[in-house]
């Protein structure tokens, strides 16, 4: 039987100013691009965070797409990564109630596109 007091006591040491988080990576490897979307269907609110994205030419940008359960992909924001490869999209103008089955990132002209023009460089499905 699990003693919840003991569990709390053991894990309490992992919170606070003295912790030292470490990310392990493949030696001499390049970190892989990653993206995390948090979507609230009822309000259409969306937060997207990306990391380790390659830089793009000045005339290009990454574009985030909502892949609805029916219909064509919906544009959800254009962004360019910073010098560390991080990107962010916060609350793009999306209609409330769109049922998403996934999200994708494509490389588009810097002003964005009405529909994807390139193969996705990153995709994710709603679980």
Protein backbone atom coordinates (compact mmCIF):
# COMPACT_ATOMS: atom_id res chain seq x y z
CA UNK A 1 0.00 0.00 0.00
CA UNK A 2 1.29 3.46 -0.92
CA UNK A 3 1.86 5.88 1.95
CA UNK A 4 0.84 9.31 0.57
CA UNK A 5 2.65 11.17 3.37
CA UNK A 6 5.89 9.41 2.47
CA UNK A 7 5.41 10.13 -1.24
CA UNK A 8 4.86 13.84 -0.53
CA UNK A 9 7.91 13.89 1.73
CA UNK A 10 10.13 12.20 -0.85
CA UNK A 11 9.04 14.45 -3.72
CA UNK A 12 9.14 17.68 -1.70
CA UNK A 13 12.89 17.73 -2.20
CA UNK A 14 12.39 18.20 -5.95
CA UNK A 15 10.80 21.64 -5.58
CA UNK A 16 12.49 24.81 -4.48
CA UNK A 17 15.42 27.08 -5.22
CA UNK A 18 18.09 24.40 -4.90
CA UNK A 19 16.89 22.10 -7.68
CA UNK A 20 19.15 21.65 -10.69
CA UNK A 21 17.19 20.57 -13.77
CA UNK A 22 19.33 19.01 -16.49
CA UNK A 23 18.35 18.17 -20.05
CA UNK A 24 20.18 15.19 -21.51
CA UNK A 25 20.91 15.19 -25.21
CA UNK A 26 22.68 13.02 -27.73
CA UNK A 27 26.40 13.96 -27.62
CA UNK A 28 27.37 16.13 -30.58
CA UNK A 29 23.77 15.90 -31.77
CA UNK A 30 21.48 18.73 -32.66
CA UNK A 31 18.32 19.12 -30.58
CA UNK A 32 15.26 18.16 -32.56
CA UNK A 33 12.57 20.77 -33.29
CA UNK A 34 9.57 20.48 -31.00
CA UNK A 35 6.22 22.19 -30.73
CA UNK A 36 3.49 22.24 -28.10
CA UNK A 37 -0.03 23.49 -28.81
CA UNK A 38 -2.59 24.13 -26.09
CA UNK A 39 -6.03 24.66 -27.58
CA UNK A 40 -9.39 25.50 -25.99
CA UNK A 41 -12.07 24.57 -28.52
CA UNK A 42 -14.95 26.32 -26.77
CA UNK A 43 -13.26 29.75 -26.90
CA UNK A 44 -10.86 29.31 -29.84
CA UNK A 45 -7.91 30.26 -27.60
CA UNK A 46 -4.56 28.82 -28.65
CA UNK A 47 -1.05 28.89 -27.27
CA UNK A 48 1.79 27.43 -29.33
CA UNK A 49 5.42 27.15 -28.25
CA UNK A 50 8.21 25.88 -30.49
CA UNK A 51 11.86 25.15 -29.81
CA UNK A 52 14.98 24.23 -31.79
CA UNK A 53 13.60 25.43 -35.11
CA UNK A 54 16.07 26.14 -37.89
CA UNK A 55 16.47 29.75 -39.01
CA UNK A 56 14.68 30.76 -42.20
CA UNK A 57 15.54 33.12 -45.07
CA UNK A 58 14.29 36.69 -44.53
CA UNK A 59 11.39 36.24 -46.95
CA UNK A 60 10.03 33.12 -45.16
CA UNK A 61 8.26 32.37 -41.86
CA UNK A 62 6.72 29.40 -40.11
CA UNK A 63 2.94 29.24 -40.19
CA UNK A 64 0.82 27.34 -37.70
CA UNK A 65 -2.30 25.56 -38.98
CA UNK A 66 -5.31 24.12 -37.19
CA UNK A 67 -6.35 20.90 -38.89
CA UNK A 68 -10.13 20.73 -38.27
CA UNK A 69 -12.04 17.46 -38.11
CA UNK A 70 -13.77 18.57 -41.33
CA UNK A 71 -12.66 21.03 -43.96
CA UNK A 72 -9.38 22.62 -44.94
CA UNK A 73 -6.52 23.70 -42.65
CA UNK A 74 -7.09 27.05 -40.93
CA UNK A 75 -4.23 29.58 -40.61
CA UNK A 76 -3.41 30.14 -36.93
CA UNK A 77 -0.47 32.50 -36.94
CA UNK A 78 2.84 33.29 -38.60
CA UNK A 79 6.06 33.44 -36.61
CA UNK A 80 9.82 33.54 -36.97
CA UNK A 81 12.06 31.80 -34.47
CA UNK A 82 14.48 33.79 -32.34
CA UNK A 83 18.25 33.18 -32.48
CA UNK A 84 17.82 30.11 -30.23
CA UNK A 85 15.15 28.57 -32.46
CA UNK A 86 12.19 29.40 -30.20
CA UNK A 87 8.85 30.60 -31.53
CA UNK A 88 5.52 31.60 -30.04
CA UNK A 89 1.93 32.11 -31.19
CA UNK A 90 -0.60 33.42 -28.64
CA UNK A 91 -4.34 33.65 -29.27
CA UNK A 92 -4.48 34.06 -33.05
CA UNK A 93 -7.89 35.10 -34.41
CA UNK A 94 -9.68 31.74 -34.46
CA UNK A 95 -13.41 31.12 -34.34
CA UNK A 96 -14.73 29.51 -31.16
CA UNK A 97 -15.97 25.95 -31.45
CA UNK A 98 -13.65 24.66 -34.21
CA UNK A 99 -13.07 20.96 -33.53
CA UNK A 100 -9.37 20.31 -34.18
CA UNK A 101 -7.95 16.89 -35.00
CA UNK A 102 -4.41 18.26 -35.17
CA UNK A 103 -1.96 21.07 -35.84
CA UNK A 104 0.82 21.54 -38.38
CA UNK A 105 3.67 23.93 -39.17
CA UNK A 106 4.71 24.81 -42.71
CA UNK A 107 7.25 27.23 -44.18
CA UNK A 108 5.42 30.03 -45.98
CA UNK A 109 6.06 33.56 -47.31
CA UNK A 110 6.76 35.87 -44.34
CA UNK A 111 3.26 37.40 -44.56
CA UNK A 112 1.62 33.95 -44.40
CA UNK A 113 -0.67 32.06 -46.76
CA UNK A 114 -4.40 31.39 -46.97
CA UNK A 115 -3.66 27.67 -47.41
CA UNK A 116 -0.50 25.60 -46.89
CA UNK A 117 1.89 25.80 -49.84
CA UNK A 118 4.59 23.43 -48.57
CA UNK A 119 4.78 20.02 -46.91
CA UNK A 120 4.46 20.27 -43.09
CA UNK A 121 7.75 20.37 -41.20
CA UNK A 122 5.98 19.47 -37.96
CA UNK A 123 2.60 17.84 -37.21
CA UNK A 124 0.70 16.75 -34.13
CA UNK A 125 -2.62 15.06 -33.48
CA UNK A 126 -5.11 15.91 -30.77
CA UNK A 127 -5.33 13.00 -28.35
